[in-house]
Protein backbone atom coordinates (compact mmCIF):
# COMPACT_ATOMS: atom_id res chain seq x y z
CA UNK A 1 -0.79 22.67 2.53
CA UNK A 2 2.33 21.44 0.75
CA UNK A 3 3.46 17.75 0.83
CA UNK A 4 5.62 18.06 3.82
CA UNK A 5 2.88 19.85 5.78
CA UNK A 6 0.33 17.07 4.79
CA UNK A 7 2.88 14.38 5.67
CA UNK A 8 3.28 15.75 9.16
CA UNK A 9 -0.34 16.30 9.73
CA UNK A 10 -1.35 12.81 8.79
CA UNK A 11 1.51 11.17 10.62
CA UNK A 12 0.40 13.13 13.71
CA UNK A 13 -3.33 12.03 13.23
CA UNK A 14 -2.20 8.40 12.86
CA UNK A 15 -0.05 8.59 15.96
CA UNK A 16 -3.10 9.67 17.99
CA UNK A 17 -4.98 6.52 17.12
CA UNK A 18 -5.47 3.85 19.76
CA UNK A 19 -4.59 0.23 18.87
CA UNK A 20 -8.24 -0.84 19.17
CA UNK A 21 -9.17 1.85 16.58
CA UNK A 22 -6.48 0.76 14.17
CA UNK A 23 -7.60 -2.89 14.46
CA UNK A 24 -11.24 -1.98 13.86
CA UNK A 25 -10.57 0.37 10.99
CA UNK A 26 -8.15 -2.06 9.40
CA UNK A 27 -10.69 -4.74 9.63
CA UNK A 28 -13.30 -2.48 8.02
CA UNK A 29 -10.83 -1.67 5.17
CA UNK A 30 -10.14 -5.36 4.50
CA UNK A 31 -13.83 -6.14 4.50
CA UNK A 32 -14.66 -3.16 2.25
CA UNK A 33 -11.94 -4.26 -0.12
CA UNK A 34 -14.00 -7.25 -0.96
CA UNK A 35 -16.24 -4.86 -2.90
CA UNK A 36 -13.43 -4.05 -5.30
CA UNK A 37 -13.66 -5.47 -8.90
CA UNK A 38 -10.17 -6.94 -8.68
CA UNK A 39 -10.61 -10.47 -7.34
CA UNK A 40 -10.10 -12.37 -10.71
CA UNK A 41 -6.36 -11.79 -10.81
CA UNK A 42 -3.58 -13.94 -9.71
CA UNK A 43 -0.57 -11.85 -8.39
CA UNK A 44 -1.21 -9.33 -5.50
CA UNK A 45 1.45 -7.24 -4.08
CA UNK A 46 0.86 -6.03 -0.44
CA UNK A 47 2.92 -4.22 2.00
CA UNK A 48 3.54 -5.54 5.50
CA UNK A 49 2.42 -2.93 8.02
CA UNK A 50 4.95 -0.91 10.40
CA UNK A 51 3.04 -1.03 13.70
CA UNK A 52 5.37 1.74 15.10
CA UNK A 53 3.95 4.04 12.24
CA UNK A 54 0.43 3.09 13.08
CA UNK A 55 -0.18 1.95 9.46
CA UNK A 56 -3.22 0.13 8.21
CA UNK A 57 -2.76 -3.41 9.52
CA UNK A 58 -2.65 -5.37 6.32
CA UNK A 59 -2.93 -8.75 8.20
CA UNK A 60 -6.63 -8.92 7.63
CA UNK A 61 -6.26 -8.25 3.98
CA UNK A 62 -3.46 -10.81 3.77
CA UNK A 63 -5.80 -13.53 5.21
CA UNK A 64 -8.36 -12.66 2.57
CA UNK A 65 -5.84 -13.09 -0.23
CA UNK A 66 -4.67 -16.37 1.14
CA UNK A 67 -8.16 -17.47 1.64
CA UNK A 68 -8.85 -16.77 -2.08
CA UNK A 69 -5.68 -18.74 -3.00
CA UNK A 70 -3.92 -15.74 -4.56
CA UNK A 71 -0.23 -15.50 -5.18
CA UNK A 72 0.91 -12.95 -2.51
CA UNK A 73 3.97 -10.85 -3.27
CA UNK A 74 5.65 -8.81 -0.53
CA UNK A 75 8.29 -6.07 -0.90
CA UNK A 76 11.82 -5.54 0.34
CA UNK A 77 13.35 -2.12 0.10
CA UNK A 78 16.42 -1.81 -2.03
CA UNK A 79 18.17 1.24 -0.81
CA UNK A 80 20.94 0.98 -3.46
CA UNK A 81 18.34 1.49 -6.36
CA UNK A 82 15.67 3.24 -4.40
CA UNK A 83 13.28 0.57 -5.61
CA UNK A 84 11.53 -2.53 -4.23
CA UNK A 85 12.50 -6.20 -4.69
CA UNK A 86 9.39 -8.39 -4.72
CA UNK A 87 9.12 -11.82 -3.24
CA UNK A 88 6.48 -14.49 -3.28
CA UNK A 89 5.18 -15.06 0.25
CA UNK A 90 5.37 -18.81 1.05
CA UNK A 91 5.26 -20.84 4.27
CA UNK A 92 9.12 -20.85 4.18
CA UNK A 93 9.41 -16.94 3.95
CA UNK A 94 11.43 -15.62 6.77
CA UNK A 95 10.29 -12.07 7.62
CA UNK A 96 12.51 -9.73 9.80
CA UNK A 97 12.27 -5.96 10.52
CA UNK A 98 14.96 -3.84 8.88
CA UNK A 99 16.54 -0.81 10.60
CA UNK A 100 13.36 1.41 9.83
CA UNK A 101 11.12 -1.24 11.44
CA UNK A 102 9.77 -2.39 8.07
CA UNK A 103 8.94 -6.00 8.13
CA UNK A 104 10.61 -7.62 5.07
CA UNK A 105 11.31 -11.03 3.56
CA UNK A 106 14.98 -12.02 3.99
CA UNK A 107 15.04 -13.97 0.65
CA UNK A 108 12.90 -16.18 -1.50
CA UNK A 109 11.38 -16.42 -4.92
CA UNK A 110 11.75 -13.05 -6.56
CA UNK A 111 8.80 -11.96 -8.72
CA UNK A 112 9.32 -9.42 -11.57
CA UNK A 113 7.28 -6.29 -11.28
CA UNK A 114 5.67 -6.72 -14.63
CA UNK A 115 4.03 -9.96 -13.43
CA UNK A 116 2.09 -8.24 -10.68
CA UNK A 117 -1.66 -7.60 -11.31
CA UNK A 118 -2.78 -5.66 -8.28
CA UNK A 119 -0.83 -3.58 -5.76
CA UNK A 120 -1.99 -2.48 -2.38
CA UNK A 121 -0.09 0.71 -1.54
CA UNK A 122 0.74 2.32 1.82
CA UNK A 123 0.17 6.13 2.09
CA UNK A 124 -0.21 8.96 4.59
CA UNK A 125 -2.77 11.05 2.64
CA UNK A 126 -4.48 11.02 -0.77
CA UNK A 127 -6.56 13.48 -2.68
CA UNK A 128 -9.81 13.41 -4.67
CA UNK A 129 -8.04 12.73 -7.93
CA UNK A 130 -6.01 9.69 -6.64
CA UNK A 131 -2.68 11.38 -5.94
CA UNK A 132 -1.04 10.18 -2.80
CA UNK A 133 1.63 11.17 -0.34
CA UNK A 134 3.93 8.52 1.14
CA UNK A 135 6.91 8.87 3.35
CA UNK A 136 8.75 10.78 0.63
CA UNK A 137 11.39 8.30 -0.50
CA UNK A 138 9.76 7.37 -3.74
CA UNK A 139 10.03 3.58 -3.40
CA UNK A 140 6.55 2.91 -4.68
CA UNK A 141 6.54 5.32 -7.53
CA UNK A 142 9.74 3.77 -8.84
CA UNK A 143 8.40 0.27 -8.30
CA UNK A 144 5.08 1.15 -9.99
CA UNK A 145 6.81 2.62 -13.00
CA UNK A 146 8.24 -0.81 -13.61
CA UNK A 147 4.95 -2.64 -13.39
CA UNK A 148 2.77 -3.32 -16.40
CA UNK A 149 0.60 -0.32 -17.50
CA UNK A 150 -2.64 -2.02 -16.54
CA UNK A 151 -1.58 -2.90 -12.96
CA UNK A 152 -4.36 -1.92 -10.50
CA UNK A 153 -3.14 0.52 -7.71
CA UNK A 154 -5.10 0.50 -4.47
CA UNK A 155 -4.33 2.86 -1.59
CA UNK A 156 -5.30 2.01 1.97
CA UNK A 157 -6.10 4.93 4.38
CA UNK A 158 -7.74 5.42 7.63
CA UNK A 159 -8.68 8.94 6.63
CA UNK A 160 -10.84 10.58 3.93
CA UNK A 161 -9.08 12.45 0.98
CA UNK A 162 -7.89 15.95 1.09
CA UNK A 163 -9.21 18.23 -1.74
CA UNK A 164 -5.96 18.49 -3.71
CA UNK A 165 -2.33 17.56 -3.22
CA UNK A 166 -0.08 20.25 -4.72
CA UNK A 167 3.48 19.61 -6.03
CA UNK A 168 2.61 16.69 -8.26
CA UNK A 169 5.51 15.55 -10.35
CA UNK A 170 5.52 13.53 -13.51
CA UNK A 171 7.04 10.50 -11.64
CA UNK A 172 4.08 10.56 -9.16
CA UNK A 173 1.78 7.66 -10.20
CA UNK A 174 -1.83 8.07 -9.18
CA UNK A 175 -4.02 5.46 -7.53
CA UNK A 176 -6.91 3.67 -9.29
CA UNK A 177 -8.73 3.11 -6.00
CA UNK A 178 -8.34 4.05 -2.31
CA UNK A 179 -10.14 1.95 0.33
CA UNK A 180 -11.09 3.78 3.61
CA UNK A 181 -13.07 2.25 6.49
CA UNK A 182 -16.24 3.94 5.28
CA UNK A 183 -16.05 3.80 1.45
CA UNK A 184 -14.01 3.07 -1.74
CA UNK A 185 -12.79 5.92 -3.79
CA UNK A 186 -12.40 5.32 -7.55
CA UNK A 187 -10.18 7.44 -9.80
CA UNK A 188 -10.43 7.26 -13.57
CA UNK A 189 -9.79 3.51 -13.59
CA UNK A 190 -9.34 1.50 -16.71
């Protein structure tokens, strides 16, 4: 399957999930993430889930990060540049959905990409070598290209990997890990 076929297949699979399944699998992913060797860092970037897209609910992972007193960074899409702006999540952060239903900070303390240590990445599918398929706009690849080389990239997925994603481009940045409800996949990490 090519990228667009995989994108459609996994969107359809997600849309068939019941809310209770999403909640249970999201909790399993958050709990499994505690097994990752990444908890000594300070700055963690995490996406806020789009419930309408039936994404992994990152609320559970957010609670873990806050419970560990980590600096949590959340993204805002910048459609002019095709990148992400990154804001420190504080008690004063106002979050609203944009026109694509993406919950985003309205303003706040912007954090440079090269300060971020760990990034939790949304995806539709991933393969056994750590390549992923997102929604196809390239926001995360562009953002990750601006991060420090040693940033740790962690995908979150309800589903197991496909064998191989074809059509890999030089701008596609692979994951270091992907967490599913049942296990953690590790890909040639540092």
